[in-house]
């Protein structure tokens, strides 16, 4: 079961609201308590909900940083299969997705997962991700079957889930890099940004707004600043990057 908590490094460090944070904590507590009581089937359901939350956070970053492609993929999107979308101008769609990653839960899970094609997940990979939804459905429905009668069965499924999560994270890397570059270019001037202090700007604008995780921060720390060296305010950009290093070391 220890491997299960590897998922936490893929989850956001901070959330926009206390309610969001409490929800994720609730799912972790539900997972742990059901494991302790040997209720592995219910533990799996809680873990799957955590996994879907991770997917929503990943899709949120696509929305925030690839808005044009995202809007094209979700025109008229109302929980129907993406292959059958009616492409029309529907301003309500943007309103639906603009508040929180958790709003993606209002759409059909099979459909929303297909948005991951925008970061290079091919049909075979997306098919495997959708199978996780089918497996959850089989587990959650009253079909008279106990799919997880022992911890070994749950551990096997968790290892499969973590492989999927890491795969999605790998595909998200270019989005994270573009997001970080945009942040550096827009936040280098302490006089012309939301928070004068570098660390506050990083926490509130980079982390919280984008639902960044430890894994996302690792991508940012590996970002090559060399192409920005000619920028007039490169020293400020470098200072932001160093502030991020400090925050990561303290965490």
C-alpha atoms as a PDB file:
ATOM      1  CA  UNK A   1       0.000   0.000   0.000  1.00  0.00           C
ATOM      2  CA  UNK A   2       2.961   2.350   0.504  1.00  0.00           C
ATOM      3  CA  UNK A   3       3.329   2.716  -3.257  1.00  0.00           C
ATOM      4  CA  UNK A   4      -0.155   4.217  -3.390  1.00  0.00           C
ATOM      5  CA  UNK A   5       1.045   7.434  -1.783  1.00  0.00           C
ATOM      6  CA  UNK A   6       3.388   8.096  -4.694  1.00  0.00           C
ATOM      7  CA  UNK A   7       0.328   9.661  -6.285  1.00  0.00           C
ATOM      8  CA  UNK A   8       0.641  12.560  -3.850  1.00  0.00           C
ATOM      9  CA  UNK A   9       3.697  14.015  -5.639  1.00  0.00           C
ATOM     10  CA  UNK A  10       1.532  14.408  -8.752  1.00  0.00           C
ATOM     11  CA  UNK A  11      -1.186  16.284  -6.845  1.00  0.00           C
ATOM     12  CA  UNK A  12      -1.323  20.079  -6.340  1.00  0.00           C
ATOM     13  CA  UNK A  13       0.673  21.707  -3.575  1.00  0.00           C
ATOM     14  CA  UNK A  14      -2.086  24.267  -3.064  1.00  0.00           C
ATOM     15  CA  UNK A  15      -5.655  24.831  -4.184  1.00  0.00           C
ATOM     16  CA  UNK A  16      -7.795  27.825  -5.054  1.00  0.00           C
ATOM     17  CA  UNK A  17     -10.257  27.121  -2.262  1.00  0.00           C
ATOM     18  CA  UNK A  18     -10.280  25.410   1.121  1.00  0.00           C
ATOM     19  CA  UNK A  19     -13.155  23.259  -0.124  1.00  0.00           C
ATOM     20  CA  UNK A  20     -11.007  21.818  -2.903  1.00  0.00           C
ATOM     21  CA  UNK A  21      -8.197  21.005  -0.497  1.00  0.00           C
ATOM     22  CA  UNK A  22     -10.590  19.396   1.981  1.00  0.00           C
ATOM     23  CA  UNK A  23     -12.064  17.271  -0.792  1.00  0.00           C
ATOM     24  CA  UNK A  24      -8.681  15.805  -1.764  1.00  0.00           C
ATOM     25  CA  UNK A  25      -7.849  15.220   1.898  1.00  0.00           C
ATOM     26  CA  UNK A  26     -11.200  13.491   2.357  1.00  0.00           C
ATOM     27  CA  UNK A  27     -10.437  11.096  -0.497  1.00  0.00           C
ATOM     28  CA  UNK A  28      -7.026  10.236   0.973  1.00  0.00           C
ATOM     29  CA  UNK A  29      -8.617   9.593   4.359  1.00  0.00           C
ATOM     30  CA  UNK A  30     -11.320   7.431   2.766  1.00  0.00           C
ATOM     31  CA  UNK A  31      -8.655   5.433   0.955  1.00  0.00           C
ATOM     32  CA  UNK A  32      -6.593   4.880   4.101  1.00  0.00           C
ATOM     33  CA  UNK A  33      -9.494   4.003   6.393  1.00  0.00           C
ATOM     34  CA  UNK A  34     -10.977   1.491   3.949  1.00  0.00           C
ATOM     35  CA  UNK A  35      -7.574  -0.152   3.490  1.00  0.00           C
ATOM     36  CA  UNK A  36      -7.162  -0.418   7.254  1.00  0.00           C
ATOM     37  CA  UNK A  37     -10.571  -2.101   7.529  1.00  0.00           C
ATOM     38  CA  UNK A  38      -9.937  -4.450   4.621  1.00  0.00           C
ATOM     39  CA  UNK A  39     -12.608  -2.762   2.484  1.00  0.00           C
ATOM     40  CA  UNK A  40     -10.376  -2.753  -0.562  1.00  0.00           C
ATOM     41  CA  UNK A  41     -13.182  -2.289  -3.052  1.00  0.00           C
ATOM     42  CA  UNK A  42     -14.154   1.041  -1.491  1.00  0.00           C
ATOM     43  CA  UNK A  43     -10.482   1.974  -1.138  1.00  0.00           C
ATOM     44  CA  UNK A  44     -10.133   1.533  -4.887  1.00  0.00           C
ATOM     45  CA  UNK A  45     -13.105   3.817  -5.554  1.00  0.00           C
ATOM     46  CA  UNK A  46     -11.523   6.578  -3.431  1.00  0.00           C
ATOM     47  CA  UNK A  47      -8.181   6.084  -5.190  1.00  0.00           C
ATOM     48  CA  UNK A  48      -9.832   6.241  -8.583  1.00  0.00           C
ATOM     49  CA  UNK A  49     -11.459   9.550  -7.616  1.00  0.00           C
ATOM     50  CA  UNK A  50      -8.017  10.877  -6.699  1.00  0.00           C
ATOM     51  CA  UNK A  51      -6.731   9.688 -10.074  1.00  0.00           C
ATOM     52  CA  UNK A  52      -9.559  11.412 -11.936  1.00  0.00           C
ATOM     53  CA  UNK A  53      -8.793  14.580  -9.972  1.00  0.00           C
ATOM     54  CA  UNK A  54      -5.193  14.341 -11.205  1.00  0.00           C
ATOM     55  CA  UNK A  55      -6.505  14.063 -14.770  1.00  0.00           C
ATOM     56  CA  UNK A  56      -8.699  17.115 -14.259  1.00  0.00           C
ATOM     57  CA  UNK A  57      -5.700  19.104 -13.008  1.00  0.00           C
ATOM     58  CA  UNK A  58      -3.731  18.008 -16.090  1.00  0.00           C
ATOM     59  CA  UNK A  59      -6.576  19.024 -18.404  1.00  0.00           C
ATOM     60  CA  UNK A  60      -6.870  22.338 -16.552  1.00  0.00           C
ATOM     61  CA  UNK A  61      -3.260  23.145 -17.451  1.00  0.00           C
ATOM     62  CA  UNK A  62      -4.046  22.392 -21.094  1.00  0.00           C
ATOM     63  CA  UNK A  63      -6.989  24.777 -20.882  1.00  0.00           C
ATOM     64  CA  UNK A  64      -4.932  27.499 -19.225  1.00  0.00           C
ATOM     65  CA  UNK A  65      -1.964  27.303 -21.585  1.00  0.00           C
ATOM     66  CA  UNK A  66      -3.348  25.957 -24.882  1.00  0.00           C
ATOM     67  CA  UNK A  67      -6.623  27.866 -24.927  1.00  0.00           C
ATOM     68  CA  UNK A  68      -7.156  27.855 -28.679  1.00  0.00           C
ATOM     69  CA  UNK A  69      -6.748  24.083 -29.048  1.00  0.00           C
ATOM     70  CA  UNK A  70      -8.803  23.478 -25.926  1.00  0.00           C
ATOM     71  CA  UNK A  71     -11.677  25.621 -27.141  1.00  0.00           C
ATOM     72  CA  UNK A  72     -11.730  23.815 -30.492  1.00  0.00           C
ATOM     73  CA  UNK A  73     -11.813  20.445 -28.740  1.00  0.00           C
ATOM     74  CA  UNK A  74     -14.676  21.439 -26.455  1.00  0.00           C
ATOM     75  CA  UNK A  75     -16.979  23.402 -28.736  1.00  0.00           C
ATOM     76  CA  UNK A  76     -20.488  22.273 -27.895  1.00  0.00           C
ATOM     77  CA  UNK A  77     -19.070  19.844 -25.375  1.00  0.00           C
ATOM     78  CA  UNK A  78     -21.845  18.666 -23.074  1.00  0.00           C
ATOM     79  CA  UNK A  79     -20.861  15.234 -21.889  1.00  0.00           C
ATOM     80  CA  UNK A  80     -21.216  13.597 -25.297  1.00  0.00           C
ATOM     81  CA  UNK A  81     -18.532  11.487 -26.907  1.00  0.00           C
ATOM     82  CA  UNK A  82     -15.987  13.848 -28.495  1.00  0.00           C
ATOM     83  CA  UNK A  83     -16.173  11.985 -31.795  1.00  0.00           C
ATOM     84  CA  UNK A  84     -19.825  13.015 -32.071  1.00  0.00           C
ATOM     85  CA  UNK A  85     -19.581  16.686 -31.165  1.00  0.00           C
ATOM     86  CA  UNK A  86     -21.698  19.208 -32.964  1.00  0.00           C
ATOM     87  CA  UNK A  87     -19.282  22.036 -33.660  1.00  0.00           C
ATOM     88  CA  UNK A  88     -21.018  25.301 -32.906  1.00  0.00           C
ATOM     89  CA  UNK A  89     -20.326  28.514 -31.070  1.00  0.00           C
ATOM     90  CA  UNK A  90     -21.310  27.942 -27.460  1.00  0.00           C
ATOM     91  CA  UNK A  91     -20.078  30.551 -25.003  1.00  0.00           C
ATOM     92  CA  UNK A  92     -21.525  28.559 -22.110  1.00  0.00           C
ATOM     93  CA  UNK A  93     -18.770  25.978 -22.610  1.00  0.00           C
ATOM     94  CA  UNK A  94     -16.030  28.414 -21.652  1.00  0.00           C
ATOM     95  CA  UNK A  95     -18.005  29.501 -18.586  1.00  0.00           C
ATOM     96  CA  UNK A  96     -18.452  25.867 -17.607  1.00  0.00           C
ATOM     97  CA  UNK A  97     -14.720  25.149 -17.580  1.00  0.00           C
ATOM     98  CA  UNK A  98     -13.434  28.488 -16.292  1.00  0.00           C
ATOM     99  CA  UNK A  99     -14.054  28.181 -12.552  1.00  0.00           C
ATOM    100  CA  UNK A 100     -12.295  25.034 -11.363  1.00  0.00           C
ATOM    101  CA  UNK A 101     -10.740  21.801 -12.654  1.00  0.00           C
ATOM    102  CA  UNK A 102     -13.438  19.970 -10.722  1.00  0.00           C
ATOM    103  CA  UNK A 103     -16.043  21.374 -13.118  1.00  0.00           C
ATOM    104  CA  UNK A 104     -14.762  18.817 -15.627  1.00  0.00           C
ATOM    105  CA  UNK A 105     -16.584  16.241 -13.500  1.00  0.00           C
ATOM    106  CA  UNK A 106     -19.853  17.538 -14.998  1.00  0.00           C
ATOM    107  CA  UNK A 107     -18.850  16.033 -18.329  1.00  0.00           C
ATOM    108  CA  UNK A 108     -18.816  12.386 -19.305  1.00  0.00           C
ATOM    109  CA  UNK A 109     -15.533  10.930 -18.042  1.00  0.00           C
ATOM    110  CA  UNK A 110     -14.883   8.984 -21.235  1.00  0.00           C
ATOM    111  CA  UNK A 111     -15.228  12.200 -23.229  1.00  0.00           C
ATOM    112  CA  UNK A 112     -13.153  14.473 -21.033  1.00  0.00           C
ATOM    113  CA  UNK A 113     -10.259  11.999 -20.974  1.00  0.00           C
ATOM    114  CA  UNK A 114     -10.024  12.318 -24.753  1.00  0.00           C
ATOM    115  CA  UNK A 115      -8.885  15.920 -24.271  1.00  0.00           C
ATOM    116  CA  UNK A 116      -5.504  14.398 -23.364  1.00  0.00           C
ATOM    117  CA  UNK A 117      -5.002  13.825 -27.090  1.00  0.00           C
ATOM    118  CA  UNK A 118      -4.003  17.506 -27.179  1.00  0.00           C
ATOM    119  CA  UNK A 119      -0.771  16.660 -25.337  1.00  0.00           C
ATOM    120  CA  UNK A 120       0.127  13.730 -27.576  1.00  0.00           C
ATOM    121  CA  UNK A 121      -1.617  10.822 -25.870  1.00  0.00           C
ATOM    122  CA  UNK A 122      -2.520   8.535 -28.749  1.00  0.00           C
ATOM    123  CA  UNK A 123      -5.692   6.453 -29.108  1.00  0.00           C
ATOM    124  CA  UNK A 124      -4.185   3.350 -27.559  1.00  0.00           C
ATOM    125  CA  UNK A 125      -3.121   5.265 -24.446  1.00  0.00           C
ATOM    126  CA  UNK A 126      -6.431   7.048 -24.125  1.00  0.00           C
ATOM    127  CA  UNK A 127      -8.134   3.685 -24.522  1.00  0.00           C
ATOM    128  CA  UNK A 128      -6.206   2.407 -21.494  1.00  0.00           C
ATOM    129  CA  UNK A 129      -7.151   5.500 -19.502  1.00  0.00           C
ATOM    130  CA  UNK A 130     -10.809   4.975 -20.340  1.00  0.00           C
ATOM    131  CA  UNK A 131     -10.508   1.358 -19.174  1.00  0.00           C
ATOM    132  CA  UNK A 132      -9.796   2.740 -15.704  1.00  0.00           C
ATOM    133  CA  UNK A 133     -13.216   4.377 -15.781  1.00  0.00           C
ATOM    134  CA  UNK A 134     -14.819   1.115 -16.896  1.00  0.00           C
ATOM    135  CA  UNK A 135     -13.046  -0.759 -14.101  1.00  0.00           C
ATOM    136  CA  UNK A 136     -14.299   1.790 -11.571  1.00  0.00           C
ATOM    137  CA  UNK A 137     -17.833   1.428 -12.930  1.00  0.00           C
ATOM    138  CA  UNK A 138     -17.675  -2.352 -12.586  1.00  0.00           C
ATOM    139  CA  UNK A 139     -16.517  -1.917  -9.012  1.00  0.00           C
ATOM    140  CA  UNK A 140     -19.011   0.774  -7.994  1.00  0.00           C
ATOM    141  CA  UNK A 141     -22.167  -0.808  -9.413  1.00  0.00           C
ATOM    142  CA  UNK A 142     -24.284  -3.234  -7.411  1.00  0.00           C
ATOM    143  CA  UNK A 143     -23.402  -6.266  -9.506  1.00  0.00           C
ATOM    144  CA  UNK A 144     -22.930  -8.746  -6.662  1.00  0.00           C
ATOM    145  CA  UNK A 145     -19.173  -9.021  -7.180  1.00  0.00           C
ATOM    146  CA  UNK A 146     -16.244  -8.168  -4.926  1.00  0.00           C
ATOM    147  CA  UNK A 147     -13.403  -7.306  -7.295  1.00  0.00           C
ATOM    148  CA  UNK A 148     -10.856  -6.539  -4.585  1.00  0.00           C
ATOM    149  CA  UNK A 149     -11.027  -9.171  -1.881  1.00  0.00           C
ATOM    150  CA  UNK A 150      -7.433  -8.729  -0.719  1.00  0.00           C
ATOM    151  CA  UNK A 151      -4.732  -6.081  -0.623  1.00  0.00           C
ATOM    152  CA  UNK A 152      -2.716  -7.774  -3.360  1.00  0.00           C
ATOM    153  CA  UNK A 153      -5.473  -7.210  -5.902  1.00  0.00           C
ATOM    154  CA  UNK A 154      -5.679  -3.535  -4.930  1.00  0.00           C
ATOM    155  CA  UNK A 155      -1.895  -3.119  -5.035  1.00  0.00           C
ATOM    156  CA  UNK A 156      -1.773  -4.521  -8.577  1.00  0.00           C
ATOM    157  CA  UNK A 157      -4.389  -2.019  -9.753  1.00  0.00           C
ATOM    158  CA  UNK A 158      -2.636   0.860  -8.007  1.00  0.00           C
ATOM    159  CA  UNK A 159       0.643   0.030  -9.760  1.00  0.00           C
ATOM    160  CA  UNK A 160      -1.226   0.130 -13.063  1.00  0.00           C
ATOM    161  CA  UNK A 161      -2.767   3.487 -12.168  1.00  0.00           C
ATOM    162  CA  UNK A 162       0.587   4.986 -11.190  1.00  0.00           C
ATOM    163  CA  UNK A 163       2.045   3.953 -14.558  1.00  0.00           C
ATOM    164  CA  UNK A 164      -0.811   5.793 -16.261  1.00  0.00           C
ATOM    165  CA  UNK A 165      -0.361   8.863 -14.065  1.00  0.00           C
ATOM    166  CA  UNK A 166       3.373   9.044 -14.772  1.00  0.00           C
ATOM    167  CA  UNK A 167       2.715   8.616 -18.492  1.00  0.00           C
ATOM    168  CA  UNK A 168       0.274  11.533 -18.512  1.00  0.00           C
ATOM    169  CA  UNK A 169       2.713  13.620 -16.483  1.00  0.00           C
ATOM    170  CA  UNK A 170       5.432  12.962 -19.077  1.00  0.00           C
ATOM    171  CA  UNK A 171       3.148  14.113 -21.880  1.00  0.00           C
ATOM    172  CA  UNK A 172       2.313  17.253 -19.900  1.00  0.00           C
ATOM    173  CA  UNK A 173       5.956  18.358 -19.681  1.00  0.00           C
ATOM    174  CA  UNK A 174       5.922  20.697 -22.746  1.00  0.00           C
ATOM    175  CA  UNK A 175       2.796  22.425 -21.382  1.00  0.00           C
ATOM    176  CA  UNK A 176       4.467  22.947 -18.006  1.00  0.00           C
ATOM    177  CA  UNK A 177       7.596  24.355 -19.664  1.00  0.00           C
ATOM    178  CA  UNK A 178       5.568  26.831 -21.722  1.00  0.00           C
ATOM    179  CA  UNK A 179       3.588  27.766 -18.632  1.00  0.00           C
ATOM    180  CA  UNK A 180       6.773  28.397 -16.674  1.00  0.00           C
ATOM    181  CA  UNK A 181       8.338  30.451 -19.455  1.00  0.00           C
ATOM    182  CA  UNK A 182       5.210  32.599 -19.630  1.00  0.00           C
ATOM    183  CA  UNK A 183       5.283  33.026 -15.853  1.00  0.00           C
ATOM    184  CA  UNK A 184       8.935  34.166 -15.900  1.00  0.00           C
ATOM    185  CA  UNK A 185       8.328  36.661 -18.689  1.00  0.00           C
ATOM    186  CA  UNK A 186       5.178  38.093 -17.112  1.00  0.00           C
ATOM    187  CA  UNK A 187       6.369  38.124 -13.500  1.00  0.00           C
ATOM    188  CA  UNK A 188       9.933  39.403 -13.684  1.00  0.00           C
ATOM    189  CA  UNK A 189       9.041  42.978 -12.699  1.00  0.00           C
ATOM    190  CA  UNK A 190       8.189  43.304  -8.969  1.00  0.00           C
ATOM    191  CA  UNK A 191       6.534  46.657  -9.714  1.00  0.00           C
ATOM    192  CA  UNK A 192       4.205  45.264 -12.351  1.00  0.00           C
ATOM    193  CA  UNK A 193       2.852  41.988 -10.988  1.00  0.00           C
ATOM    194  CA  UNK A 194       0.442  40.702  -8.359  1.00  0.00           C
ATOM    195  CA  UNK A 195       2.951  40.215  -5.499  1.00  0.00           C
ATOM    196  CA  UNK A 196       6.205  42.171  -5.002  1.00  0.00           C
ATOM    197  CA  UNK A 197       7.901  39.281  -3.188  1.00  0.00           C
ATOM    198  CA  UNK A 198       9.294  36.592  -5.508  1.00  0.00           C
ATOM    199  CA  UNK A 199       8.210  33.724  -3.287  1.00  0.00           C
ATOM    200  CA  UNK A 200       4.653  35.008  -2.911  1.00  0.00           C
ATOM    201  CA  UNK A 201       4.391  35.459  -6.675  1.00  0.00           C
ATOM    202  CA  UNK A 202       5.542  31.885  -7.203  1.00  0.00           C
ATOM    203  CA  UNK A 203       3.207  30.411  -4.599  1.00  0.00           C
ATOM    204  CA  UNK A 204       0.082  32.287  -5.636  1.00  0.00           C
ATOM    205  CA  UNK A 205       0.459  32.705  -9.391  1.00  0.00           C
ATOM    206  CA  UNK A 206       2.584  29.763 -10.511  1.00  0.00           C
ATOM    207  CA  UNK A 207       1.558  27.127  -7.977  1.00  0.00           C
ATOM    208  CA  UNK A 208      -2.010  27.910  -6.973  1.00  0.00           C
ATOM    209  CA  UNK A 209      -3.335  29.249 -10.280  1.00  0.00           C
ATOM    210  CA  UNK A 210      -1.965  26.265 -12.220  1.00  0.00           C
ATOM    211  CA  UNK A 211      -2.475  23.602  -9.521  1.00  0.00           C
ATOM    212  CA  UNK A 212       1.210  22.728  -9.689  1.00  0.00           C
ATOM    213  CA  UNK A 213       2.546  19.574  -8.047  1.00  0.00           C
ATOM    214  CA  UNK A 214       6.011  18.499  -6.918  1.00  0.00           C
ATOM    215  CA  UNK A 215       6.438  16.807 -10.300  1.00  0.00           C
ATOM    216  CA  UNK A 216       5.524  20.018 -12.120  1.00  0.00           C
ATOM    217  CA  UNK A 217       8.006  21.999 -10.063  1.00  0.00           C
ATOM    218  CA  UNK A 218      10.738  19.515 -10.954  1.00  0.00           C
ATOM    219  CA  UNK A 219      10.049  20.268 -14.623  1.00  0.00           C
ATOM    220  CA  UNK A 220      10.338  24.003 -13.933  1.00  0.00           C
ATOM    221  CA  UNK A 221      13.605  23.574 -12.057  1.00  0.00           C
ATOM    222  CA  UNK A 222      15.061  21.708 -15.037  1.00  0.00           C
ATOM    223  CA  UNK A 223      13.989  24.464 -17.427  1.00  0.00           C
ATOM    224  CA  UNK A 224      16.890  25.902 -19.437  1.00  0.00           C
ATOM    225  CA  UNK A 225      17.061  29.668 -18.903  1.00  0.00           C
ATOM    226  CA  UNK A 226      19.757  30.143 -21.564  1.00  0.00           C
ATOM    227  CA  UNK A 227      17.339  31.211 -24.365  1.00  0.00           C
ATOM    228  CA  UNK A 228      16.158  34.042 -22.086  1.00  0.00           C
ATOM    229  CA  UNK A 229      19.659  35.327 -21.342  1.00  0.00           C
ATOM    230  CA  UNK A 230      19.307  38.238 -23.777  1.00  0.00           C
ATOM    231  CA  UNK A 231      16.184  39.502 -22.039  1.00  0.00           C
ATOM    232  CA  UNK A 232      16.588  43.034 -20.675  1.00  0.00           C
ATOM    233  CA  UNK A 233      15.528  41.877 -17.214  1.00  0.00           C
ATOM    234  CA  UNK A 234      17.252  38.517 -17.175  1.00  0.00           C
ATOM    235  CA  UNK A 235      18.631  39.122 -13.680  1.00  0.00           C
ATOM    236  CA  UNK A 236      15.065  39.333 -12.366  1.00  0.00           C
ATOM    237  CA  UNK A 237      14.098  36.185 -14.255  1.00  0.00           C
ATOM    238  CA  UNK A 238      17.079  34.380 -12.787  1.00  0.00           C
ATOM    239  CA  UNK A 239      16.134  35.606  -9.310  1.00  0.00           C
ATOM    240  CA  UNK A 240      12.643  34.136  -9.721  1.00  0.00           C
ATOM    241  CA  UNK A 241      14.122  30.821 -10.766  1.00  0.00           C
ATOM    242  CA  UNK A 242      16.456  30.804  -7.756  1.00  0.00           C
ATOM    243  CA  UNK A 243      13.497  31.629  -5.492  1.00  0.00           C
ATOM    244  CA  UNK A 244      11.722  28.584  -6.882  1.00  0.00           C
ATOM    245  CA  UNK A 245      14.767  26.451  -6.049  1.00  0.00           C
ATOM    246  CA  UNK A 246      14.685  27.735  -2.484  1.00  0.00           C
ATOM    247  CA  UNK A 247      10.988  26.988  -2.095  1.00  0.00           C
ATOM    248  CA  UNK A 248      11.487  23.454  -3.430  1.00  0.00           C
ATOM    249  CA  UNK A 249      14.354  22.796  -1.012  1.00  0.00           C
ATOM    250  CA  UNK A 250      12.278  24.020   1.926  1.00  0.00           C
ATOM    251  CA  UNK A 251       9.254  21.908   1.077  1.00  0.00           C
END
